[in-house]
Amino acid sequence: MNEKIKLIWDFRGHEALEIAKHHCVHLKEFSEKEKLTFYEIATNQISEMYSIAFITVNKSDMITFRDALQPHRGEVSS
């Protein structure tokens, strides 16, 4: 089974959730344009002033996504 990596972007402030949602649109557009496989693109509201956008990809594709999209951080995903 392929190891999955979650690439994460952090957004803070009053509009954090809306910005994270908009960022997901760009993540999906990039993946489709480049014909890259992903498992999930979503947001998570941590608090009223802090949200994240993330994409879960195969470890083998992580460098392509990382170099092009410059996530703030990443973690191994189950």
PDB file of N, CA and C in Angstrom:
ATOM      1  N   MET A   1       0.842  -1.190   0.000  1.00  0.00           N
ATOM      2  CA  MET A   1       0.000   0.000   0.000  1.00  0.00           C
ATOM      3  C   MET A   1       0.882   1.246   0.000  1.00  0.00           C
ATOM      4  N   ASN A   2       0.489   2.229  -0.791  1.00  0.00           N
ATOM      5  CA  ASN A   2       1.255   3.468  -0.868  1.00  0.00           C
ATOM      6  C   ASN A   2       1.092   4.289   0.401  1.00  0.00           C
ATOM      7  N   GLU A   3       2.196   4.845   0.848  1.00  0.00           N
ATOM      8  CA  GLU A   3       2.129   5.757   1.980  1.00  0.00           C
ATOM      9  C   GLU A   3       1.547   7.079   1.486  1.00  0.00           C
ATOM     10  N   LYS A   4       0.689   7.679   2.292  1.00  0.00           N
ATOM     11  CA  LYS A   4       0.034   8.937   1.920  1.00  0.00           C
ATOM     12  C   LYS A   4       0.608  10.072   2.758  1.00  0.00           C
ATOM     13  N   ILE A   5       0.697  11.231   2.137  1.00  0.00           N
ATOM     14  CA  ILE A   5       1.191  12.433   2.785  1.00  0.00           C
ATOM     15  C   ILE A   5       0.114  13.511   2.704  1.00  0.00           C
ATOM     16  N   LYS A   6      -0.139  14.177   3.823  1.00  0.00           N
ATOM     17  CA  LYS A   6      -1.081  15.292   3.862  1.00  0.00           C
ATOM     18  C   LYS A   6      -0.260  16.580   3.843  1.00  0.00           C
ATOM     19  N   LEU A   7      -0.431  17.372   2.776  1.00  0.00           N
ATOM     20  CA  LEU A   7       0.220  18.678   2.664  1.00  0.00           C
ATOM     21  C   LEU A   7      -0.762  19.733   3.154  1.00  0.00           C
ATOM     22  N   ILE A   8      -0.286  20.629   4.028  1.00  0.00           N
ATOM     23  CA  ILE A   8      -1.178  21.520   4.779  1.00  0.00           C
ATOM     24  C   ILE A   8      -0.778  22.977   4.605  1.00  0.00           C
ATOM     25  N   TRP A   9      -1.790  23.815   4.430  1.00  0.00           N
ATOM     26  CA  TRP A   9      -1.621  25.271   4.401  1.00  0.00           C
ATOM     27  C   TRP A   9      -2.423  25.859   5.553  1.00  0.00           C
ATOM     28  N   ASP A  10      -1.803  26.748   6.320  1.00  0.00           N
ATOM     29  CA  ASP A  10      -2.438  27.373   7.482  1.00  0.00           C
ATOM     30  C   ASP A  10      -2.934  28.768   7.111  1.00  0.00           C
ATOM     31  N   PHE A  11      -4.125  29.099   7.566  1.00  0.00           N
ATOM     32  CA  PHE A  11      -4.701  30.428   7.342  1.00  0.00           C
ATOM     33  C   PHE A  11      -5.242  30.954   8.665  1.00  0.00           C
ATOM     34  N   ARG A  12      -4.935  32.207   8.943  1.00  0.00           N
ATOM     35  CA  ARG A  12      -5.347  32.815  10.212  1.00  0.00           C
ATOM     36  C   ARG A  12      -6.066  34.139   9.957  1.00  0.00           C
ATOM     37  N   GLY A  13      -6.964  34.474  10.857  1.00  0.00           N
ATOM     38  CA  GLY A  13      -7.690  35.729  10.763  1.00  0.00           C
ATOM     39  C   GLY A  13      -9.181  35.491  10.611  1.00  0.00           C
ATOM     40  N   HIS A  14      -9.926  36.575  10.508  1.00  0.00           N
ATOM     41  CA  HIS A  14     -11.393  36.507  10.440  1.00  0.00           C
ATOM     42  C   HIS A  14     -11.892  35.751   9.206  1.00  0.00           C
ATOM     43  N   GLU A  15     -11.143  35.809   8.104  1.00  0.00           N
ATOM     44  CA  GLU A  15     -11.550  35.172   6.855  1.00  0.00           C
ATOM     45  C   GLU A  15     -10.832  33.847   6.602  1.00  0.00           C
ATOM     46  N   ALA A  16     -10.224  33.272   7.625  1.00  0.00           N
ATOM     47  CA  ALA A  16      -9.389  32.079   7.452  1.00  0.00           C
ATOM     48  C   ALA A  16     -10.128  30.934   6.773  1.00  0.00           C
ATOM     49  N   LEU A  17     -11.341  30.652   7.188  1.00  0.00           N
ATOM     50  CA  LEU A  17     -12.075  29.524   6.616  1.00  0.00           C
ATOM     51  C   LEU A  17     -12.395  29.769   5.150  1.00  0.00           C
ATOM     52  N   GLU A  18     -12.829  30.963   4.816  1.00  0.00           N
ATOM     53  CA  GLU A  18     -13.159  31.276   3.424  1.00  0.00           C
ATOM     54  C   GLU A  18     -11.917  31.220   2.540  1.00  0.00           C
ATOM     55  N   ILE A  19     -10.798  31.686   3.045  1.00  0.00           N
ATOM     56  CA  ILE A  19      -9.554  31.622   2.281  1.00  0.00           C
ATOM     57  C   ILE A  19      -9.127  30.170   2.092  1.00  0.00           C
ATOM     58  N   ALA A  20      -9.256  29.357   3.123  1.00  0.00           N
ATOM     59  CA  ALA A  20      -8.913  27.942   3.017  1.00  0.00           C
ATOM     60  C   ALA A  20      -9.797  27.245   1.975  1.00  0.00           C
ATOM     61  N   LYS A  21     -11.085  27.546   1.979  1.00  0.00           N
ATOM     62  CA  LYS A  21     -11.994  26.962   0.991  1.00  0.00           C
ATOM     63  C   LYS A  21     -11.589  27.360  -0.421  1.00  0.00           C
ATOM     64  N   HIS A  22     -11.233  28.619  -0.600  1.00  0.00           N
ATOM     65  CA  HIS A  22     -10.811  29.103  -1.914  1.00  0.00           C
ATOM     66  C   HIS A  22      -9.502  28.430  -2.333  1.00  0.00           C
ATOM     67  N   HIS A  23      -8.607  28.228  -1.384  1.00  0.00           N
ATOM     68  CA  HIS A  23      -7.338  27.572  -1.693  1.00  0.00           C
ATOM     69  C   HIS A  23      -7.587  26.147  -2.201  1.00  0.00           C
ATOM     70  N   CYS A  24      -8.586  25.477  -1.664  1.00  0.00           N
ATOM     71  CA  CYS A  24      -8.925  24.128  -2.120  1.00  0.00           C
ATOM     72  C   CYS A  24      -9.302  24.104  -3.598  1.00  0.00           C
ATOM     73  N   VAL A  25      -9.959  25.152  -4.057  1.00  0.00           N
ATOM     74  CA  VAL A  25     -10.303  25.253  -5.481  1.00  0.00           C
ATOM     75  C   VAL A  25      -9.022  25.213  -6.313  1.00  0.00           C
ATOM     76  N   HIS A  26      -8.012  25.961  -5.900  1.00  0.00           N
ATOM     77  CA  HIS A  26      -6.751  26.002  -6.636  1.00  0.00           C
ATOM     78  C   HIS A  26      -6.007  24.669  -6.554  1.00  0.00           C
ATOM     79  N   LEU A  27      -6.088  23.990  -5.412  1.00  0.00           N
ATOM     80  CA  LEU A  27      -5.450  22.685  -5.286  1.00  0.00           C
ATOM     81  C   LEU A  27      -6.060  21.693  -6.275  1.00  0.00           C
ATOM     82  N   LYS A  28      -7.381  21.708  -6.387  1.00  0.00           N
ATOM     83  CA  LYS A  28      -8.061  20.804  -7.314  1.00  0.00           C
ATOM     84  C   LYS A  28      -7.734  21.157  -8.760  1.00  0.00           C
ATOM     85  N   GLU A  29      -7.736  22.452  -9.085  1.00  0.00           N
ATOM     86  CA  GLU A  29      -7.406  22.888 -10.442  1.00  0.00           C
ATOM     87  C   GLU A  29      -5.998  22.448 -10.830  1.00  0.00           C
ATOM     88  N   PHE A  30      -5.044  22.632  -9.930  1.00  0.00           N
ATOM     89  CA  PHE A  30      -3.664  22.240 -10.200  1.00  0.00           C
ATOM     90  C   PHE A  30      -3.577  20.738 -10.443  1.00  0.00           C
ATOM     91  N   SER A  31      -4.193  19.953  -9.595  1.00  0.00           N
ATOM     92  CA  SER A  31      -4.142  18.494  -9.717  1.00  0.00           C
ATOM     93  C   SER A  31      -4.725  18.029 -11.043  1.00  0.00           C
ATOM     94  N   GLU A  32      -5.833  18.611 -11.428  1.00  0.00           N
ATOM     95  CA  GLU A  32      -6.472  18.230 -12.691  1.00  0.00           C
ATOM     96  C   GLU A  32      -5.636  18.664 -13.885  1.00  0.00           C
ATOM     97  N   LYS A  33      -5.115  19.875 -13.837  1.00  0.00           N
ATOM     98  CA  LYS A  33      -4.308  20.396 -14.946  1.00  0.00           C
ATOM     99  C   LYS A  33      -3.058  19.546 -15.155  1.00  0.00           C
ATOM    100  N   GLU A  34      -2.419  19.158 -14.058  1.00  0.00           N
ATOM    101  CA  GLU A  34      -1.179  18.381 -14.132  1.00  0.00           C
ATOM    102  C   GLU A  34      -1.423  16.870 -14.184  1.00  0.00           C
ATOM    103  N   LYS A  35      -2.712  16.470 -14.147  1.00  0.00           N
ATOM    104  CA  LYS A  35      -3.099  15.057 -14.173  1.00  0.00           C
ATOM    105  C   LYS A  35      -2.429  14.263 -13.050  1.00  0.00           C
ATOM    106  N   LEU A  36      -2.473  14.833 -11.857  1.00  0.00           N
ATOM    107  CA  LEU A  36      -1.889  14.218 -10.668  1.00  0.00           C
ATOM    108  C   LEU A  36      -2.993  13.622  -9.793  1.00  0.00           C
ATOM    109  N   THR A  37      -2.709  12.494  -9.207  1.00  0.00           N
ATOM    110  CA  THR A  37      -3.672  11.796  -8.356  1.00  0.00           C
ATOM    111  C   THR A  37      -3.643  12.364  -6.945  1.00  0.00           C
ATOM    112  N   PHE A  38      -4.815  12.517  -6.353  1.00  0.00           N
ATOM    113  CA  PHE A  38      -4.931  12.902  -4.950  1.00  0.00           C
ATOM    114  C   PHE A  38      -6.075  12.101  -4.340  1.00  0.00           C
ATOM    115  N   TYR A  39      -6.054  12.014  -3.012  1.00  0.00           N
ATOM    116  CA  TYR A  39      -7.094  11.270  -2.302  1.00  0.00           C
ATOM    117  C   TYR A  39      -8.168  12.184  -1.727  1.00  0.00           C
ATOM    118  N   GLU A  40      -7.740  13.320  -1.222  1.00  0.00           N
ATOM    119  CA  GLU A  40      -8.695  14.218  -0.563  1.00  0.00           C
ATOM    120  C   GLU A  40      -8.166  15.638  -0.634  1.00  0.00           C
ATOM    121  N   ILE A  41      -9.081  16.557  -0.856  1.00  0.00           N
ATOM    122  CA  ILE A  41      -8.818  17.988  -0.739  1.00  0.00           C
ATOM    123  C   ILE A  41      -9.922  18.530   0.147  1.00  0.00           C
ATOM    124  N   ALA A  42      -9.542  19.194   1.245  1.00  0.00           N
ATOM    125  CA  ALA A  42     -10.570  19.649   2.186  1.00  0.00           C
ATOM    126  C   ALA A  42     -10.027  20.757   3.078  1.00  0.00           C
ATOM    127  N   THR A  43     -10.933  21.280   3.895  1.00  0.00           N
ATOM    128  CA  THR A  43     -10.574  22.279   4.902  1.00  0.00           C
ATOM    129  C   THR A  43     -10.912  21.727   6.276  1.00  0.00           C
ATOM    130  N   ASN A  44     -10.331  22.363   7.272  1.00  0.00           N
ATOM    131  CA  ASN A  44     -10.643  22.035   8.659  1.00  0.00           C
ATOM    132  C   ASN A  44     -10.562  23.333   9.450  1.00  0.00           C
ATOM    133  N   GLN A  45     -11.659  23.718  10.077  1.00  0.00           N
ATOM    134  CA  GLN A  45     -11.668  24.918  10.904  1.00  0.00           C
ATOM    135  C   GLN A  45     -11.219  24.520  12.309  1.00  0.00           C
ATOM    136  N   ILE A  46     -10.048  24.995  12.689  1.00  0.00           N
ATOM    137  CA  ILE A  46      -9.472  24.677  13.989  1.00  0.00           C
ATOM    138  C   ILE A  46     -10.109  25.557  15.062  1.00  0.00           C
ATOM    139  N   SER A  47     -10.261  26.837  14.760  1.00  0.00           N
ATOM    140  CA  SER A  47     -10.934  27.781  15.649  1.00  0.00           C
ATOM    141  C   SER A  47     -11.534  28.882  14.777  1.00  0.00           C
ATOM    142  N   GLU A  48     -12.192  29.821  15.399  1.00  0.00           N
ATOM    143  CA  GLU A  48     -12.815  30.911  14.649  1.00  0.00           C
ATOM    144  C   GLU A  48     -11.791  31.693  13.831  1.00  0.00           C
ATOM    145  N   MET A  49     -10.562  31.725  14.297  1.00  0.00           N
ATOM    146  CA  MET A  49      -9.525  32.529  13.646  1.00  0.00           C
ATOM    147  C   MET A  49      -8.429  31.686  12.984  1.00  0.00           C
ATOM    148  N   TYR A  50      -8.620  30.380  12.861  1.00  0.00           N
ATOM    149  CA  TYR A  50      -7.574  29.524  12.314  1.00  0.00           C
ATOM    150  C   TYR A  50      -8.184  28.348  11.570  1.00  0.00           C
ATOM    151  N   SER A  51      -7.853  28.234  10.282  1.00  0.00           N
ATOM    152  CA  SER A  51      -8.321  27.129   9.453  1.00  0.00           C
ATOM    153  C   SER A  51      -7.161  26.611   8.612  1.00  0.00           C
ATOM    154  N   ILE A  52      -7.315  25.387   8.152  1.00  0.00           N
ATOM    155  CA  ILE A  52      -6.317  24.821   7.260  1.00  0.00           C
ATOM    156  C   ILE A  52      -6.990  24.325   5.989  1.00  0.00           C
ATOM    157  N   ALA A  53      -6.211  24.294   4.916  1.00  0.00           N
ATOM    158  CA  ALA A  53      -6.577  23.600   3.690  1.00  0.00           C
ATOM    159  C   ALA A  53      -5.550  22.493   3.529  1.00  0.00           C
ATOM    160  N   PHE A  54      -5.973  21.343   3.005  1.00  0.00           N
ATOM    161  CA  PHE A  54      -5.011  20.267   2.818  1.00  0.00           C
ATOM    162  C   PHE A  54      -5.358  19.412   1.616  1.00  0.00           C
ATOM    163  N   ILE A  55      -4.332  18.745   1.132  1.00  0.00           N
ATOM    164  CA  ILE A  55      -4.473  17.759   0.069  1.00  0.00           C
ATOM    165  C   ILE A  55      -3.693  16.524   0.500  1.00  0.00           C
ATOM    166  N   THR A  56      -4.282  15.358   0.299  1.00  0.00           N
ATOM    167  CA  THR A  56      -3.626  14.101   0.632  1.00  0.00           C
ATOM    168  C   THR A  56      -3.210  13.430  -0.673  1.00  0.00           C
ATOM    169  N   VAL A  57      -1.914  13.109  -0.767  1.00  0.00           N
ATOM    170  CA  VAL A  57      -1.337  12.572  -2.001  1.00  0.00           C
ATOM    171  C   VAL A  57      -0.467  11.353  -1.682  1.00  0.00           C
ATOM    172  N   ASN A  58      -0.114  10.601  -2.710  1.00  0.00           N
ATOM    173  CA  ASN A  58       0.843   9.512  -2.549  1.00  0.00           C
ATOM    174  C   ASN A  58       2.213  10.092  -2.224  1.00  0.00           C
ATOM    175  N   LYS A  59       2.948   9.391  -1.402  1.00  0.00           N
ATOM    176  CA  LYS A  59       4.292   9.842  -1.055  1.00  0.00           C
ATOM    177  C   LYS A  59       5.145  10.017  -2.314  1.00  0.00           C
ATOM    178  N   SER A  60       4.943   9.162  -3.291  1.00  0.00           N
ATOM    179  CA  SER A  60       5.724   9.236  -4.526  1.00  0.00           C
ATOM    180  C   SER A  60       5.465  10.524  -5.317  1.00  0.00           C
ATOM    181  N   ASP A  61       4.306  11.165  -5.111  1.00  0.00           N
ATOM    182  CA  ASP A  61       3.972  12.423  -5.797  1.00  0.00           C
ATOM    183  C   ASP A  61       4.223  13.648  -4.932  1.00  0.00           C
ATOM    184  N   MET A  62       4.603  13.439  -3.693  1.00  0.00           N
ATOM    185  CA  MET A  62       4.717  14.544  -2.736  1.00  0.00           C
ATOM    186  C   MET A  62       5.664  15.636  -3.208  1.00  0.00           C
ATOM    187  N   ILE A  63       6.812  15.295  -3.744  1.00  0.00           N
ATOM    188  CA  ILE A  63       7.795  16.310  -4.142  1.00  0.00           C
ATOM    189  C   ILE A  63       7.237  17.200  -5.249  1.00  0.00           C
ATOM    190  N   THR A  64       6.517  16.614  -6.198  1.00  0.00           N
ATOM    191  CA  THR A  64       5.905  17.402  -7.276  1.00  0.00           C
ATOM    192  C   THR A  64       4.942  18.432  -6.699  1.00  0.00           C
ATOM    193  N   PHE A  65       4.063  17.987  -5.804  1.00  0.00           N
ATOM    194  CA  PHE A  65       3.108  18.900  -5.175  1.00  0.00           C
ATOM    195  C   PHE A  65       3.839  19.933  -4.315  1.00  0.00           C
ATOM    196  N   ARG A  66       4.772  19.472  -3.504  1.00  0.00           N
ATOM    197  CA  ARG A  66       5.491  20.365  -2.584  1.00  0.00           C
ATOM    198  C   ARG A  66       6.222  21.469  -3.331  1.00  0.00           C
ATOM    199  N   ASP A  67       6.964  21.112  -4.357  1.00  0.00           N
ATOM    200  CA  ASP A  67       7.752  22.101  -5.079  1.00  0.00           C
ATOM    201  C   ASP A  67       6.881  23.116  -5.816  1.00  0.00           C
ATOM    202  N   ALA A  68       5.756  22.666  -6.348  1.00  0.00           N
ATOM    203  CA  ALA A  68       4.883  23.560  -7.108  1.00  0.00           C
ATOM    204  C   ALA A  68       3.990  24.416  -6.215  1.00  0.00           C
ATOM    205  N   LEU A  69       3.538  23.863  -5.086  1.00  0.00           N
ATOM    206  CA  LEU A  69       2.503  24.530  -4.293  1.00  0.00           C
ATOM    207  C   LEU A  69       2.985  25.084  -2.957  1.00  0.00           C
ATOM    208  N   GLN A  70       4.170  24.719  -2.538  1.00  0.00           N
ATOM    209  CA  GLN A  70       4.801  25.249  -1.329  1.00  0.00           C
ATOM    210  C   GLN A  70       3.889  25.229  -0.089  1.00  0.00           C
ATOM    211  N   PRO A  71       3.521  24.035   0.358  1.00  0.00           N
ATOM    212  CA  PRO A  71       2.707  23.950   1.578  1.00  0.00           C
ATOM    213  C   PRO A  71       3.490  24.436   2.776  1.00  0.00           C
ATOM    214  N   HIS A  72       2.779  24.806   3.832  1.00  0.00           N
ATOM    215  CA  HIS A  72       3.425  25.252   5.065  1.00  0.00           C
ATOM    216  C   HIS A  72       4.026  24.087   5.826  1.00  0.00           C
ATOM    217  N   ARG A  73       3.406  22.909   5.704  1.00  0.00           N
ATOM    218  CA  ARG A  73       3.912  21.734   6.411  1.00  0.00           C
ATOM    219  C   ARG A  73       3.260  20.484   5.827  1.00  0.00           C
ATOM    220  N   GLY A  74       3.712  19.339   6.286  1.00  0.00           N
ATOM    221  CA  GLY A  74       3.147  18.075   5.838  1.00  0.00           C
ATOM    222  C   GLY A  74       3.214  17.057   6.954  1.00  0.00           C
ATOM    223  N   GLU A  75       2.427  16.003   6.810  1.00  0.00           N
ATOM    224  CA  GLU A  75       2.449  14.924   7.791  1.00  0.00           C
ATOM    225  C   GLU A  75       2.047  13.630   7.113  1.00  0.00           C
ATOM    226  N   VAL A  76       2.498  12.522   7.662  1.00  0.00           N
ATOM    227  CA  VAL A  76       2.110  11.214   7.156  1.00  0.00           C
ATOM    228  C   VAL A  76       0.636  11.023   7.498  1.00  0.00           C
ATOM    229  N   SER A  77      -0.106  10.536   6.526  1.00  0.00           N
ATOM    230  CA  SER A  77      -1.543  10.354   6.708  1.00  0.00           C
ATOM    231  C   SER A  77      -1.874   8.865   6.692  1.00  0.00           C
ATOM    232  N   SER A  78      -2.901   8.496   7.411  1.00  0.00           N
ATOM    233  CA  SER A  78      -3.283   7.073   7.434  1.00  0.00           C
ATOM    234  C   SER A  78      -4.225   6.743   6.300  1.00  0.00           C
TER     235      SER A  78
END
